[in-house]
Amino acid sequence: MSEQSWYGVRCVFRHRELGVYEERVTLWRARSLDEAIGRGEVEAREYCADLDSVEYVGFGEAYRMDGEPGEGAEVFSLMRESGLPTGGYVGRFFATGAERTGE
């Protein structure tokens, strides 16, 4: 691919002192998925350098966006096959009760 596209790159971090994991999605212009992940991982390491007790766990994935980012734009999407019912799926992957939300 020779033209640049926008990519949302999700990287996962571990906050050792807090005992929590963090998922961050950052936006990048790149020519490929691999280039976008590479740029996201460079930023991930810089993020960790500023925070002593945070480590990048080495997991990054990307999503190529259609068009330009703007209000309401989809910046990341992941599809997962599962035989779980709706409530079980949400409870297993998203609303486990261990999330830190709000301020």
N, C-alpha and C. Protein backbone atom coordinates (compact mmCIF):
# COMPACT_ATOMS: atom_id res chain seq x y z
N MET A 1 0.86 -1.18 0.00
CA MET A 1 0.00 0.00 0.00
C MET A 1 0.90 1.23 0.00
N SER A 2 0.69 2.15 -0.93
CA SER A 2 1.55 3.32 -1.02
C SER A 2 0.95 4.56 -0.37
N GLU A 3 -0.37 4.62 -0.28
CA GLU A 3 -1.01 5.78 0.35
C GLU A 3 -1.16 5.54 1.85
N GLN A 4 -1.08 6.63 2.60
CA GLN A 4 -1.26 6.53 4.04
C GLN A 4 -2.74 6.49 4.38
N SER A 5 -3.05 5.76 5.42
CA SER A 5 -4.40 5.70 5.99
C SER A 5 -4.28 5.97 7.48
N TRP A 6 -5.42 6.24 8.11
CA TRP A 6 -5.45 6.38 9.56
C TRP A 6 -5.65 5.01 10.18
N TYR A 7 -4.93 4.77 11.28
CA TYR A 7 -5.03 3.52 12.02
C TYR A 7 -5.22 3.82 13.51
N GLY A 8 -6.08 3.05 14.14
CA GLY A 8 -6.17 3.04 15.59
C GLY A 8 -5.32 1.87 16.07
N VAL A 9 -4.38 2.13 16.98
CA VAL A 9 -3.49 1.08 17.49
C VAL A 9 -3.75 0.91 18.98
N ARG A 10 -4.12 -0.32 19.36
CA ARG A 10 -4.38 -0.62 20.77
C ARG A 10 -3.16 -1.35 21.34
N CYS A 11 -2.63 -0.80 22.43
CA CYS A 11 -1.51 -1.42 23.15
C CYS A 11 -1.94 -1.67 24.59
N VAL A 12 -1.38 -2.70 25.19
CA VAL A 12 -1.74 -3.10 26.55
C VAL A 12 -0.54 -2.88 27.47
N PHE A 13 -0.83 -2.33 28.66
CA PHE A 13 0.18 -1.98 29.64
C PHE A 13 -0.17 -2.59 31.00
N ARG A 14 0.86 -2.80 31.81
CA ARG A 14 0.64 -3.25 33.18
C ARG A 14 1.19 -2.19 34.12
N HIS A 15 0.33 -1.74 35.03
CA HIS A 15 0.72 -0.80 36.08
C HIS A 15 1.04 -1.65 37.31
N ARG A 16 2.32 -1.88 37.56
CA ARG A 16 2.75 -2.79 38.62
C ARG A 16 2.27 -2.34 40.00
N GLU A 17 2.45 -1.08 40.34
CA GLU A 17 2.08 -0.60 41.68
C GLU A 17 0.57 -0.63 41.91
N LEU A 18 -0.20 -0.36 40.88
CA LEU A 18 -1.66 -0.35 41.02
C LEU A 18 -2.27 -1.74 40.87
N GLY A 19 -1.53 -2.66 40.26
CA GLY A 19 -2.04 -4.00 40.04
C GLY A 19 -3.14 -4.04 38.98
N VAL A 20 -3.04 -3.16 37.97
CA VAL A 20 -4.06 -3.10 36.92
C VAL A 20 -3.40 -3.14 35.54
N TYR A 21 -4.20 -3.52 34.56
CA TYR A 21 -3.80 -3.45 33.16
C TYR A 21 -4.55 -2.30 32.51
N GLU A 22 -3.92 -1.71 31.52
CA GLU A 22 -4.52 -0.58 30.79
C GLU A 22 -4.45 -0.87 29.31
N GLU A 23 -5.52 -0.57 28.60
CA GLU A 23 -5.53 -0.62 27.14
C GLU A 23 -5.63 0.81 26.64
N ARG A 24 -4.71 1.19 25.75
CA ARG A 24 -4.73 2.53 25.17
C ARG A 24 -4.86 2.41 23.67
N VAL A 25 -5.67 3.26 23.06
CA VAL A 25 -5.80 3.31 21.60
C VAL A 25 -5.28 4.67 21.16
N THR A 26 -4.29 4.64 20.26
CA THR A 26 -3.71 5.87 19.72
C THR A 26 -3.93 5.89 18.20
N LEU A 27 -3.94 7.06 17.62
CA LEU A 27 -4.17 7.23 16.18
C LEU A 27 -2.87 7.54 15.45
N TRP A 28 -2.70 6.89 14.27
CA TRP A 28 -1.49 7.06 13.48
C TRP A 28 -1.81 7.08 12.00
N ARG A 29 -1.05 7.88 11.23
CA ARG A 29 -1.08 7.82 9.76
C ARG A 29 0.05 6.89 9.36
N ALA A 30 -0.27 5.88 8.57
CA ALA A 30 0.75 4.90 8.17
C ALA A 30 0.36 4.30 6.83
N ARG A 31 1.31 3.61 6.21
CA ARG A 31 1.08 2.96 4.92
C ARG A 31 0.62 1.51 5.07
N SER A 32 0.73 0.94 6.29
CA SER A 32 0.35 -0.45 6.49
C SER A 32 0.03 -0.71 7.96
N LEU A 33 -0.60 -1.84 8.22
CA LEU A 33 -0.88 -2.27 9.58
C LEU A 33 0.42 -2.40 10.38
N ASP A 34 1.42 -3.03 9.78
CA ASP A 34 2.69 -3.23 10.47
C ASP A 34 3.36 -1.91 10.82
N GLU A 35 3.32 -0.95 9.89
CA GLU A 35 3.92 0.36 10.17
C GLU A 35 3.17 1.04 11.31
N ALA A 36 1.85 0.97 11.29
CA ALA A 36 1.05 1.60 12.34
C ALA A 36 1.36 0.98 13.71
N ILE A 37 1.42 -0.35 13.76
CA ILE A 37 1.74 -1.01 15.03
C ILE A 37 3.13 -0.61 15.49
N GLY A 38 4.07 -0.56 14.58
CA GLY A 38 5.43 -0.15 14.94
C GLY A 38 5.46 1.24 15.54
N ARG A 39 4.73 2.16 14.95
CA ARG A 39 4.69 3.52 15.48
C ARG A 39 3.99 3.56 16.83
N GLY A 40 2.92 2.77 16.96
CA GLY A 40 2.22 2.69 18.24
C GLY A 40 3.10 2.11 19.34
N GLU A 41 3.92 1.13 18.98
CA GLU A 41 4.80 0.51 19.97
C GLU A 41 5.94 1.45 20.39
N VAL A 42 6.41 2.28 19.47
CA VAL A 42 7.41 3.28 19.85
C VAL A 42 6.80 4.24 20.87
N GLU A 43 5.57 4.70 20.62
CA GLU A 43 4.89 5.58 21.56
C GLU A 43 4.64 4.86 22.88
N ALA A 44 4.31 3.57 22.84
CA ALA A 44 4.06 2.80 24.05
C ALA A 44 5.30 2.78 24.94
N ARG A 45 6.45 2.59 24.33
CA ARG A 45 7.69 2.58 25.11
C ARG A 45 8.00 3.96 25.69
N GLU A 46 7.70 5.02 24.93
CA GLU A 46 7.89 6.38 25.45
C GLU A 46 6.95 6.64 26.62
N TYR A 47 5.73 6.17 26.51
CA TYR A 47 4.74 6.31 27.59
C TYR A 47 5.28 5.65 28.86
N CYS A 48 5.84 4.45 28.73
CA CYS A 48 6.37 3.73 29.88
C CYS A 48 7.61 4.42 30.46
N ALA A 49 8.41 5.03 29.62
CA ALA A 49 9.62 5.71 30.09
C ALA A 49 9.27 6.86 31.03
N ASP A 50 8.10 7.46 30.82
CA ASP A 50 7.66 8.57 31.67
C ASP A 50 7.02 8.10 32.98
N LEU A 51 6.71 6.83 33.08
CA LEU A 51 6.03 6.27 34.25
C LEU A 51 6.81 5.05 34.74
N ASP A 52 7.51 5.20 35.84
CA ASP A 52 8.42 4.15 36.32
C ASP A 52 7.77 2.79 36.54
N SER A 53 6.55 2.75 37.01
CA SER A 53 5.94 1.47 37.39
C SER A 53 5.01 0.91 36.31
N VAL A 54 5.15 1.38 35.07
CA VAL A 54 4.29 0.92 33.97
C VAL A 54 5.15 0.20 32.94
N GLU A 55 4.68 -0.96 32.49
CA GLU A 55 5.40 -1.69 31.45
C GLU A 55 4.46 -2.01 30.29
N TYR A 56 5.01 -1.93 29.10
CA TYR A 56 4.30 -2.35 27.90
C TYR A 56 4.40 -3.87 27.84
N VAL A 57 3.28 -4.56 27.75
CA VAL A 57 3.32 -6.03 27.81
C VAL A 57 3.66 -6.67 26.48
N GLY A 58 3.89 -5.85 25.44
CA GLY A 58 4.30 -6.38 24.15
C GLY A 58 3.14 -6.81 23.27
N PHE A 59 1.93 -6.33 23.59
CA PHE A 59 0.77 -6.67 22.77
C PHE A 59 0.23 -5.40 22.13
N GLY A 60 0.27 -5.37 20.81
CA GLY A 60 -0.30 -4.26 20.06
C GLY A 60 -1.03 -4.79 18.85
N GLU A 61 -2.16 -4.18 18.53
CA GLU A 61 -2.91 -4.55 17.33
C GLU A 61 -3.50 -3.28 16.73
N ALA A 62 -3.80 -3.34 15.44
CA ALA A 62 -4.24 -2.14 14.73
C ALA A 62 -5.51 -2.38 13.94
N TYR A 63 -6.18 -1.27 13.66
CA TYR A 63 -7.41 -1.25 12.87
C TYR A 63 -7.29 -0.12 11.86
N ARG A 64 -7.43 -0.41 10.57
CA ARG A 64 -7.37 0.64 9.56
C ARG A 64 -8.73 1.31 9.46
N MET A 65 -8.73 2.61 9.64
CA MET A 65 -9.97 3.39 9.59
C MET A 65 -10.35 3.69 8.15
N ASP A 66 -11.62 3.84 7.90
CA ASP A 66 -12.10 4.32 6.61
C ASP A 66 -12.22 5.84 6.70
N GLY A 67 -11.49 6.54 5.87
CA GLY A 67 -11.59 8.00 5.85
C GLY A 67 -10.80 8.67 6.95
N GLU A 68 -11.17 9.91 7.21
CA GLU A 68 -10.49 10.76 8.18
C GLU A 68 -11.17 10.66 9.54
N PRO A 69 -10.38 10.80 10.63
CA PRO A 69 -11.00 10.82 11.95
C PRO A 69 -11.80 12.10 12.14
N GLY A 70 -12.88 12.00 12.83
CA GLY A 70 -13.73 13.13 13.13
C GLY A 70 -14.76 12.69 14.16
N GLU A 71 -15.68 13.57 14.46
CA GLU A 71 -16.69 13.26 15.46
C GLU A 71 -17.46 11.99 15.08
N GLY A 72 -17.49 11.05 15.99
CA GLY A 72 -18.21 9.81 15.76
C GLY A 72 -17.48 8.78 14.92
N ALA A 73 -16.24 9.06 14.55
CA ALA A 73 -15.47 8.13 13.72
C ALA A 73 -15.11 6.88 14.51
N GLU A 74 -15.17 5.74 13.86
CA GLU A 74 -14.75 4.49 14.48
C GLU A 74 -13.23 4.43 14.42
N VAL A 75 -12.57 4.38 15.59
CA VAL A 75 -11.11 4.40 15.62
C VAL A 75 -10.52 3.02 15.91
N PHE A 76 -11.33 2.10 16.38
CA PHE A 76 -10.86 0.75 16.62
C PHE A 76 -12.04 -0.19 16.63
N SER A 77 -11.84 -1.39 16.07
CA SER A 77 -12.87 -2.41 16.06
C SER A 77 -12.20 -3.76 16.14
N LEU A 78 -12.79 -4.66 16.90
CA LEU A 78 -12.27 -6.02 17.02
C LEU A 78 -13.45 -6.97 17.00
N MET A 79 -13.39 -7.99 16.17
CA MET A 79 -14.44 -9.01 16.13
C MET A 79 -13.88 -10.28 16.74
N ARG A 80 -14.69 -10.95 17.54
CA ARG A 80 -14.26 -12.17 18.22
C ARG A 80 -15.37 -13.20 18.12
N GLU A 81 -15.04 -14.40 17.71
CA GLU A 81 -16.04 -15.47 17.68
C GLU A 81 -16.26 -15.98 19.09
N SER A 82 -17.52 -16.21 19.45
CA SER A 82 -17.83 -16.72 20.78
C SER A 82 -19.21 -17.37 20.78
N GLY A 83 -19.33 -18.45 21.49
CA GLY A 83 -20.61 -19.11 21.67
C GLY A 83 -21.32 -18.66 22.93
N LEU A 84 -20.73 -17.71 23.65
CA LEU A 84 -21.33 -17.22 24.88
C LEU A 84 -22.61 -16.43 24.60
N PRO A 85 -23.60 -16.49 25.51
CA PRO A 85 -24.75 -15.60 25.37
C PRO A 85 -24.32 -14.16 25.63
N THR A 86 -25.13 -13.20 25.25
CA THR A 86 -24.78 -11.78 25.35
C THR A 86 -24.25 -11.39 26.73
N GLY A 87 -24.99 -11.68 27.78
CA GLY A 87 -24.56 -11.31 29.12
C GLY A 87 -23.26 -11.99 29.52
N GLY A 88 -23.10 -13.25 29.15
CA GLY A 88 -21.88 -13.97 29.46
C GLY A 88 -20.68 -13.41 28.73
N TYR A 89 -20.89 -13.00 27.49
CA TYR A 89 -19.81 -12.42 26.69
C TYR A 89 -19.35 -11.11 27.31
N VAL A 90 -20.29 -10.23 27.61
CA VAL A 90 -19.96 -8.93 28.20
C VAL A 90 -19.27 -9.14 29.55
N GLY A 91 -19.79 -10.06 30.36
CA GLY A 91 -19.19 -10.33 31.67
C GLY A 91 -17.79 -10.91 31.58
N ARG A 92 -17.54 -11.69 30.57
CA ARG A 92 -16.22 -12.31 30.43
C ARG A 92 -15.17 -11.35 29.91
N PHE A 93 -15.53 -10.51 28.94
CA PHE A 93 -14.54 -9.69 28.27
C PHE A 93 -14.57 -8.20 28.61
N PHE A 94 -15.68 -7.68 29.13
CA PHE A 94 -15.79 -6.23 29.32
C PHE A 94 -16.20 -5.79 30.71
N ALA A 95 -17.27 -6.30 31.23
CA ALA A 95 -17.80 -5.86 32.52
C ALA A 95 -17.59 -6.97 33.55
N THR A 96 -16.32 -7.19 33.87
CA THR A 96 -15.98 -8.29 34.78
C THR A 96 -16.16 -7.91 36.25
N GLY A 97 -16.30 -6.61 36.50
CA GLY A 97 -16.38 -6.11 37.87
C GLY A 97 -15.02 -5.63 38.37
N ALA A 98 -13.97 -5.88 37.62
CA ALA A 98 -12.62 -5.47 38.03
C ALA A 98 -12.16 -4.19 37.32
N GLU A 99 -13.02 -3.59 36.50
CA GLU A 99 -12.64 -2.39 35.76
C GLU A 99 -12.62 -1.17 36.68
N ARG A 100 -11.72 -0.27 36.36
CA ARG A 100 -11.70 1.03 37.04
C ARG A 100 -12.28 2.03 36.08
N THR A 101 -13.43 2.55 36.36
CA THR A 101 -14.10 3.49 35.46
C THR A 101 -14.34 4.81 36.18
N GLY A 102 -14.62 5.84 35.41
CA GLY A 102 -14.89 7.15 35.98
C GLY A 102 -13.60 7.86 36.36
N GLU A 103 -13.73 8.80 37.25
CA GLU A 103 -12.57 9.62 37.63
C GLU A 103 -11.84 9.08 38.81
